[in-house]
Amino acid sequence: LKTAIAYVKENHGLEYHLDDIPLDDEKTYLLYQKGGTLGTFQFESEGMRKYLKELKPNNINDLIAMNALFRPGPMQFIPNYIERKHGREKAEYDHELVREILEPTFGIMIYQEQIMNVAQKLAGYSLGGADLLRRAMGKKKHEVMEMEKPKFIEGAKQNGVDEKTALSIFEKMQMFASYGFNKSHSAAYSVVAYHTMFFKANYPAEYMAAAMSHNMNDIKKVAAFIEECQKMGIEVDAPNINTAHGKFVAKESRVQYGMSAIKGVGSSAIAHIVEERDTNGLFQSVFEFASRIDLRVCNRKTLESLIQAGAFDTLNDNRAELLLGIDDILAYAHRKQEEERLNQGNLFGGAGSGGILQEPKLKPAAKWNTL
């Protein structure tokens, strides 16, 4: 999120603070309704995406509920939650006293706090006593529950609830408490998840560039995110020695491939390449590139990895030719750097001639190109 916010500020001049992001953004919920959660927090699994398409969430409480329900146990109630939200199944309440507590979740006890609230409102429990009851139910402490049952029924009777109804509610509380989730925990996670989706929905290139930048060590995830970008209509540029940085970055609604995601290219080499490019201008050829960099930092293996990834395609798109001629490229670079060290110039060359040494021609090779 910090990276996405920085990219948005750089590209759009807008500065976001997470606490100020509205929780009712229409574009964000539309993307949730389409199941477009890949690359976002908490909601990106295949099963979750399926349920989101059916639920069509339109408020933060739907996300909080789904976050709590999508676990073994309560997952069985997801279809009921969906049906009740859309009015295809009637929400039922055992007593009017519990309606207010369970109405936000359509009569389904999802959260531990609801179990505690029911004990307080229906049976007169204190907050501490309700928490002890919730804990005993959650951990299936049968002896404690057997002691609490008559206390609960008696307290409910004093609030005008008959014994049969009170027992029914107590048993339902027992069932739900065994896998009830802490709402405050689910809410915190869901707000963070919503923030990630807000940026994906409103600033897709910036968000996906940030997501890929923070998953560069997982090439499978990077590949999945690139595929997601393509589905979203976002172009992902191939690695380019003259434009790419270490991280994935967003430029003009496109994503530029981060060189740190190329296997065999270290961070120190990337930092050196970018600094040299920023200081002395774009690289005009592979030979010039090799002659301008410190070959102790950016060695043969680094050069091979950059060639194989297509980082030099804009200078020479025949990768086989470059790999076949790598000895010539490195030999030229060493000679060129030695020439400059000795401060030799071309006596007959004009300004910008580049010295005595001329770039050799590479041996021809059958062209191939794979990412």
Protein backbone atom coordinates (compact mmCIF):
# COMPACT_ATOMS: atom_id res chain seq x y z
CA LEU A 1 0.00 0.00 0.00
CA LYS A 2 2.84 2.41 0.78
CA THR A 3 4.39 1.66 -2.60
CA ALA A 4 1.07 2.08 -4.41
CA ILE A 5 0.46 5.39 -2.63
CA ALA A 6 3.94 6.60 -3.66
CA TYR A 7 3.29 5.62 -7.31
CA VAL A 8 -0.08 7.41 -7.30
CA LYS A 9 1.51 10.55 -5.90
CA GLU A 10 4.30 10.41 -8.49
CA ASN A 11 1.98 9.78 -11.46
CA HIS A 12 -1.16 11.69 -10.49
CA GLY A 13 -0.03 14.25 -7.93
CA LEU A 14 -2.52 12.91 -5.37
CA GLU A 15 -1.49 12.10 -1.82
CA TYR A 16 -3.55 9.46 -0.05
CA HIS A 17 -3.75 8.73 3.67
CA LEU A 18 -5.26 5.34 4.46
CA ASP A 19 -7.50 6.60 7.26
CA ASP A 20 -9.10 9.10 4.88
CA ILE A 21 -10.05 6.61 2.16
CA PRO A 22 -13.88 6.35 1.96
CA LEU A 23 -15.31 2.91 2.69
CA ASP A 24 -18.17 3.33 0.19
CA ASP A 25 -16.26 3.58 -3.11
CA GLU A 26 -18.47 2.17 -5.88
CA LYS A 27 -15.62 1.10 -8.18
CA THR A 28 -14.05 -0.89 -5.35
CA TYR A 29 -17.23 -2.87 -4.63
CA LEU A 30 -17.87 -3.44 -8.34
CA LEU A 31 -14.47 -5.10 -8.60
CA TYR A 32 -15.26 -7.24 -5.55
CA GLN A 33 -18.56 -8.23 -7.19
CA LYS A 34 -16.64 -9.38 -10.27
CA GLY A 35 -14.27 -11.44 -8.11
CA GLY A 36 -11.32 -9.34 -9.29
CA THR A 37 -9.38 -9.79 -6.06
CA LEU A 38 -6.15 -11.37 -7.34
CA GLY A 39 -3.23 -9.50 -5.83
CA THR A 40 -5.26 -8.00 -2.99
CA PHE A 41 -5.30 -8.89 0.70
CA GLN A 42 -7.35 -11.73 2.25
CA PHE A 43 -9.90 -12.27 -0.54
CA GLU A 44 -7.89 -13.64 -3.46
CA SER A 45 -8.44 -17.41 -3.17
CA GLU A 46 -10.46 -19.13 -5.88
CA GLY A 47 -13.23 -20.20 -3.47
CA MET A 48 -13.54 -16.71 -2.03
CA ARG A 49 -13.77 -15.17 -5.52
CA LYS A 50 -16.63 -17.56 -6.32
CA TYR A 51 -18.59 -16.53 -3.24
CA LEU A 52 -17.93 -12.82 -3.82
CA LYS A 53 -19.49 -13.06 -7.27
CA GLU A 54 -22.59 -14.61 -5.67
CA LEU A 55 -22.70 -12.28 -2.67
CA LYS A 56 -22.10 -9.04 -4.63
CA PRO A 57 -20.85 -7.12 -1.57
CA ASN A 58 -21.74 -3.43 -1.47
CA ASN A 59 -20.58 -2.42 2.00
CA ILE A 60 -17.73 -3.04 4.41
CA ASN A 61 -19.91 -5.24 6.67
CA ASP A 62 -20.29 -7.77 3.85
CA LEU A 63 -16.51 -8.01 3.61
CA ILE A 64 -16.12 -8.36 7.38
CA ALA A 65 -18.71 -11.16 7.42
CA MET A 66 -17.13 -13.02 4.48
CA ASN A 67 -13.72 -12.76 6.09
CA ALA A 68 -15.11 -14.39 9.24
CA LEU A 69 -17.25 -16.99 7.43
CA PHE A 70 -14.64 -18.24 4.97
CA ARG A 71 -13.12 -20.81 7.32
CA PRO A 72 -13.81 -24.46 8.10
CA GLY A 73 -17.00 -24.64 10.15
CA PRO A 74 -18.78 -21.35 9.48
CA MET A 75 -18.23 -21.78 5.73
CA GLN A 76 -21.40 -23.92 5.65
CA PHE A 77 -23.42 -20.76 6.39
CA ILE A 78 -22.05 -18.71 3.47
CA PRO A 79 -24.87 -19.82 1.11
CA ASN A 80 -27.44 -18.84 3.80
CA TYR A 81 -25.79 -15.45 4.26
CA ILE A 82 -25.87 -14.86 0.49
CA GLU A 83 -29.48 -15.98 0.11
CA ARG A 84 -30.63 -13.85 3.04
CA LYS A 85 -28.74 -10.77 1.85
CA HIS A 86 -30.55 -10.94 -1.48
CA GLY A 87 -33.92 -11.65 0.11
CA ARG A 88 -34.28 -15.13 -1.31
CA GLU A 89 -34.26 -16.69 2.16
CA LYS A 90 -35.94 -15.21 5.21
CA ALA A 91 -33.79 -14.30 8.20
CA GLU A 92 -35.20 -15.87 11.37
CA TYR A 93 -34.83 -14.65 14.95
CA ASP A 94 -35.70 -16.76 18.00
CA HIS A 95 -36.69 -13.67 19.97
CA GLU A 96 -37.05 -9.94 19.37
CA LEU A 97 -34.35 -9.27 21.95
CA VAL A 98 -31.73 -10.83 19.67
CA ARG A 99 -32.99 -9.23 16.44
CA GLU A 100 -30.95 -6.04 16.81
CA ILE A 101 -27.78 -8.04 17.53
CA LEU A 102 -28.17 -10.51 14.66
CA GLU A 103 -29.88 -8.31 12.04
CA PRO A 104 -26.58 -7.05 10.51
CA THR A 105 -25.66 -10.70 9.75
CA PHE A 106 -29.18 -11.76 8.70
CA GLY A 107 -29.82 -13.86 11.82
CA ILE A 108 -26.58 -15.84 11.62
CA MET A 109 -24.23 -15.73 14.64
CA ILE A 110 -20.89 -15.06 13.00
CA TYR A 111 -18.90 -13.19 15.62
CA GLN A 112 -17.83 -13.91 19.19
CA GLU A 113 -19.05 -10.43 20.13
CA GLN A 114 -22.58 -11.39 19.04
CA ILE A 115 -22.57 -14.40 21.38
CA MET A 116 -21.46 -12.15 24.22
CA ASN A 117 -24.09 -9.52 23.37
CA VAL A 118 -26.87 -12.11 23.31
CA ALA A 119 -25.82 -13.37 26.76
CA GLN A 120 -25.85 -9.79 28.07
CA LYS A 121 -29.11 -8.64 26.53
CA LEU A 122 -31.12 -11.86 26.79
CA ALA A 123 -29.90 -13.30 30.10
CA GLY A 124 -28.51 -10.29 31.95
CA TYR A 125 -24.86 -11.39 31.95
CA SER A 126 -22.15 -8.88 32.79
CA LEU A 127 -19.58 -8.19 30.07
CA GLY A 128 -16.98 -10.26 31.92
CA GLY A 129 -19.45 -13.08 32.56
CA ALA A 130 -20.47 -13.09 28.89
CA ASP A 131 -16.83 -13.39 27.86
CA LEU A 132 -16.31 -16.34 30.21
CA LEU A 133 -19.40 -18.03 28.73
CA ARG A 134 -18.18 -17.37 25.19
CA ARG A 135 -14.78 -18.82 26.06
CA ALA A 136 -16.27 -21.95 27.64
CA MET A 137 -18.48 -22.49 24.59
CA GLY A 138 -15.63 -21.87 22.16
CA LYS A 139 -13.37 -24.36 23.94
CA LYS A 140 -16.22 -26.83 24.49
CA LYS A 141 -15.83 -26.93 28.27
CA HIS A 142 -18.92 -29.06 28.89
CA GLU A 143 -18.78 -28.91 32.69
CA VAL A 144 -18.72 -25.10 32.64
CA MET A 145 -21.52 -24.96 30.06
CA GLU A 146 -23.71 -27.30 32.10
CA MET A 147 -23.25 -24.96 35.05
CA GLU A 148 -24.00 -21.90 32.91
CA LYS A 149 -27.09 -23.30 31.18
CA PRO A 150 -29.56 -22.91 34.13
CA LYS A 151 -28.07 -19.49 34.90
CA PHE A 152 -28.67 -18.40 31.29
CA ILE A 153 -32.25 -19.77 31.24
CA GLU A 154 -33.11 -18.14 34.55
CA GLY A 155 -31.69 -14.79 33.40
CA ALA A 156 -33.66 -15.04 30.16
CA LYS A 157 -36.88 -15.78 32.06
CA GLN A 158 -36.44 -12.55 33.98
CA ASN A 159 -36.40 -10.75 30.63
CA GLY A 160 -39.66 -12.39 29.55
CA VAL A 161 -38.15 -15.21 27.49
CA ASP A 162 -39.73 -18.63 27.94
CA GLU A 163 -37.57 -21.61 28.88
CA LYS A 164 -37.92 -23.42 25.54
CA THR A 165 -36.81 -20.37 23.55
CA ALA A 166 -33.95 -19.63 25.95
CA LEU A 167 -32.70 -23.24 25.69
CA SER A 168 -32.90 -23.12 21.89
CA ILE A 169 -30.86 -19.90 21.80
CA PHE A 170 -28.32 -21.30 24.29
CA GLU A 171 -27.79 -24.39 22.11
CA LYS A 172 -27.38 -22.25 18.98
CA MET A 173 -24.85 -20.12 20.83
CA GLN A 174 -22.93 -23.29 21.70
CA MET A 175 -22.86 -24.37 18.09
CA PHE A 176 -21.72 -21.00 16.70
CA ALA A 177 -19.24 -20.31 19.52
CA SER A 178 -17.14 -23.33 18.53
CA TYR A 179 -16.01 -21.48 15.39
CA GLY A 180 -17.14 -17.91 16.06
CA PHE A 181 -14.67 -15.29 14.89
CA ASN A 182 -13.58 -12.11 16.61
CA LYS A 183 -15.32 -9.30 14.72
CA SER A 184 -12.74 -6.65 15.58
CA HIS A 185 -10.05 -8.90 14.08
CA SER A 186 -12.10 -9.54 10.95
CA ALA A 187 -12.93 -5.83 10.64
CA ALA A 188 -9.29 -4.77 10.84
CA TYR A 189 -8.26 -7.30 8.20
CA SER A 190 -11.19 -6.35 5.97
CA VAL A 191 -10.37 -2.65 6.07
CA VAL A 192 -6.79 -3.37 4.99
CA ALA A 193 -8.17 -5.67 2.27
CA TYR A 194 -10.56 -2.94 1.14
CA HIS A 195 -7.69 -0.45 0.92
CA THR A 196 -5.77 -2.77 -1.39
CA MET A 197 -8.87 -3.21 -3.55
CA PHE A 198 -9.50 0.55 -3.60
CA PHE A 199 -6.14 1.13 -5.26
CA LYS A 200 -6.52 -1.81 -7.62
CA ALA A 201 -9.93 -0.49 -8.73
CA ASN A 202 -8.97 3.19 -9.03
CA TYR A 203 -5.25 3.07 -9.89
CA PRO A 204 -4.80 -0.40 -11.42
CA ALA A 205 -1.37 0.09 -13.03
CA GLU A 206 0.11 1.66 -9.91
CA TYR A 207 -1.35 -1.00 -7.64
CA MET A 208 -0.32 -3.98 -9.77
CA ALA A 209 3.20 -2.55 -10.13
CA ALA A 210 3.35 -2.30 -6.34
CA ALA A 211 1.98 -5.83 -5.88
CA MET A 212 4.56 -7.27 -8.28
CA SER A 213 7.37 -5.27 -6.68
CA HIS A 214 6.63 -6.91 -3.34
CA ASN A 215 6.46 -10.42 -4.78
CA MET A 216 9.56 -10.39 -7.00
CA ASN A 217 11.04 -13.46 -5.31
CA ASP A 218 8.01 -15.54 -6.32
CA ILE A 219 8.11 -15.85 -10.10
CA LYS A 220 4.83 -17.82 -10.14
CA LYS A 221 3.06 -14.92 -8.45
CA VAL A 222 4.68 -12.42 -10.79
CA ALA A 223 3.50 -14.48 -13.76
CA ALA A 224 -0.04 -14.65 -12.31
CA PHE A 225 -0.05 -10.88 -11.76
CA ILE A 226 1.14 -10.25 -15.32
CA GLU A 227 -1.72 -12.41 -16.58
CA GLU A 228 -4.10 -10.44 -14.34
CA CYS A 229 -2.77 -7.18 -15.82
CA GLN A 230 -3.47 -8.48 -19.31
CA LYS A 231 -7.05 -9.34 -18.30
CA MET A 232 -7.41 -5.81 -16.96
CA GLY A 233 -6.08 -4.29 -20.17
CA ILE A 234 -2.81 -3.12 -18.57
CA GLU A 235 0.28 -3.55 -20.75
CA VAL A 236 3.32 -4.97 -18.97
CA ASP A 237 6.47 -3.91 -20.79
CA ALA A 238 9.28 -6.41 -21.12
CA PRO A 239 12.51 -5.67 -19.21
CA ASN A 240 14.32 -2.75 -20.84
CA ILE A 241 17.86 -1.72 -19.92
CA ASN A 242 17.07 1.89 -20.82
CA THR A 243 13.83 2.35 -18.86
CA ALA A 244 13.49 -0.35 -16.20
CA HIS A 245 14.30 0.08 -12.53
CA GLY A 246 14.78 -2.47 -9.77
CA LYS A 247 11.09 -2.50 -8.87
CA PHE A 248 8.09 -2.74 -11.14
CA VAL A 249 6.88 0.80 -11.80
CA ALA A 250 3.81 2.32 -13.45
CA LYS A 251 4.26 4.76 -16.32
CA GLU A 252 1.46 6.11 -18.51
CA SER A 253 -0.97 3.40 -17.33
CA ARG A 254 1.54 0.68 -18.20
CA VAL A 255 3.71 -1.45 -15.94
CA GLN A 256 7.45 -1.57 -16.53
CA TYR A 257 9.09 -4.85 -15.62
CA GLY A 258 11.37 -4.64 -12.57
CA MET A 259 14.90 -5.90 -13.19
CA SER A 260 15.09 -7.30 -9.64
CA ALA A 261 12.61 -9.96 -10.76
CA ILE A 262 15.14 -11.30 -13.28
CA LYS A 263 16.90 -14.34 -11.86
CA GLY A 264 20.64 -13.88 -11.64
CA VAL A 265 20.56 -10.08 -11.48
CA GLY A 266 21.52 -8.75 -8.07
CA SER A 267 20.32 -5.54 -6.44
CA SER A 268 23.80 -3.98 -6.41
CA ALA A 269 24.14 -4.54 -10.17
CA ILE A 270 20.73 -2.96 -10.80
CA ALA A 271 21.53 0.06 -8.63
CA HIS A 272 24.80 0.52 -10.52
CA ILE A 273 23.11 0.23 -13.94
CA VAL A 274 20.36 2.73 -13.06
CA GLU A 275 22.85 5.20 -11.58
CA GLU A 276 25.08 5.00 -14.68
CA ARG A 277 22.08 5.47 -16.97
CA ASP A 278 20.74 8.42 -14.99
CA THR A 279 24.18 10.07 -14.83
CA ASN A 280 25.50 9.53 -18.35
CA GLY A 281 22.42 8.89 -20.48
CA LEU A 282 20.78 5.96 -22.24
CA PHE A 283 22.78 3.02 -23.51
CA GLN A 284 23.18 3.02 -27.30
CA SER A 285 24.34 -0.59 -27.75
CA VAL A 286 25.21 -3.69 -25.78
CA PHE A 287 28.89 -2.98 -26.35
CA GLU A 288 28.53 0.55 -24.99
CA PHE A 289 26.57 -0.77 -22.02
CA ALA A 290 29.31 -3.29 -21.13
CA SER A 291 32.03 -0.65 -21.52
CA ARG A 292 30.27 1.84 -19.21
CA ILE A 293 29.51 -0.45 -16.28
CA ASP A 294 31.76 -1.85 -13.60
CA LEU A 295 32.26 -5.45 -14.68
CA ARG A 296 33.08 -6.44 -11.13
CA VAL A 297 29.54 -5.46 -10.10
CA CYS A 298 27.74 -6.45 -13.30
CA ASN A 299 29.55 -9.62 -14.34
CA ARG A 300 29.16 -12.19 -17.12
CA LYS A 301 26.31 -14.01 -15.35
CA THR A 302 24.41 -10.75 -14.89
CA LEU A 303 24.88 -9.85 -18.55
CA GLU A 304 23.65 -13.30 -19.64
CA SER A 305 20.58 -13.03 -17.43
CA LEU A 306 19.73 -9.57 -18.79
CA ILE A 307 20.09 -10.80 -22.38
CA GLN A 308 17.94 -13.89 -21.75
CA ALA A 309 15.23 -11.76 -20.15
CA GLY A 310 15.14 -9.46 -23.19
CA ALA A 311 16.52 -6.36 -21.45
CA PHE A 312 18.55 -5.51 -24.57
CA ASP A 313 15.83 -6.26 -27.15
CA THR A 314 15.41 -2.57 -28.01
CA LEU A 315 19.13 -2.41 -28.87
CA ASN A 316 19.47 -5.83 -30.48
CA ASP A 317 16.52 -8.22 -30.46
CA ASN A 318 18.56 -11.27 -31.48
CA ARG A 319 19.26 -12.76 -28.06
CA ALA A 320 21.01 -15.82 -29.50
CA GLU A 321 23.45 -13.55 -31.31
CA LEU A 322 24.17 -11.61 -28.12
CA LEU A 323 24.73 -14.78 -26.07
CA LEU A 324 26.98 -16.25 -28.75
CA GLY A 325 29.00 -13.04 -28.83
CA ILE A 326 29.22 -12.47 -25.08
CA ASP A 327 32.97 -13.14 -25.03
CA ASP A 328 33.47 -10.49 -27.72
CA ILE A 329 31.25 -8.04 -25.81
CA LEU A 330 33.20 -8.52 -22.57
CA ALA A 331 36.57 -8.42 -24.33
CA TYR A 332 35.57 -5.13 -25.99
CA ALA A 333 34.40 -3.72 -22.67
CA HIS A 334 37.67 -4.59 -20.92
CA ARG A 335 39.74 -3.07 -23.74
CA LYS A 336 37.56 0.04 -23.84
CA GLN A 337 37.82 0.60 -20.12
CA GLU A 338 41.58 0.07 -20.24
CA GLU A 339 41.83 2.55 -23.12
CA GLU A 340 39.90 5.15 -21.14
CA ARG A 341 42.02 4.47 -18.10
CA LEU A 342 45.14 5.23 -20.08
CA ASN A 343 43.34 8.30 -21.47
CA GLN A 344 44.11 7.39 -25.08
CA GLY A 345 42.13 9.16 -27.77
CA ASN A 346 41.62 8.72 -31.43
CA LEU A 347 44.05 11.09 -33.12
CA PHE A 348 41.97 11.24 -36.25
CA GLY A 349 38.51 11.01 -34.73
CA GLY A 350 36.26 14.02 -34.32
CA ALA A 351 34.24 14.89 -31.26
CA GLY A 352 32.14 11.97 -30.00
CA SER A 353 33.99 9.39 -32.10
CA GLY A 354 34.36 7.18 -29.04
CA GLY A 355 38.10 6.66 -29.25
CA ILE A 356 40.25 4.29 -31.25
CA LEU A 357 38.37 1.11 -30.43
CA GLN A 358 35.49 0.23 -32.73
CA GLU A 359 32.61 -2.05 -31.76
CA PRO A 360 33.09 -5.45 -33.43
CA LYS A 361 30.36 -7.17 -35.41
CA LEU A 362 28.67 -10.08 -33.69
CA LYS A 363 28.54 -13.50 -35.31
CA PRO A 364 25.12 -14.18 -36.84
CA ALA A 365 22.88 -16.67 -35.04
CA ALA A 366 19.38 -18.04 -35.48
CA LYS A 367 17.00 -15.69 -33.69
CA TRP A 368 14.95 -16.78 -30.67
CA ASN A 369 12.91 -14.80 -28.25
CA THR A 370 11.31 -16.07 -25.05
CA LEU A 371 10.42 -14.34 -21.79
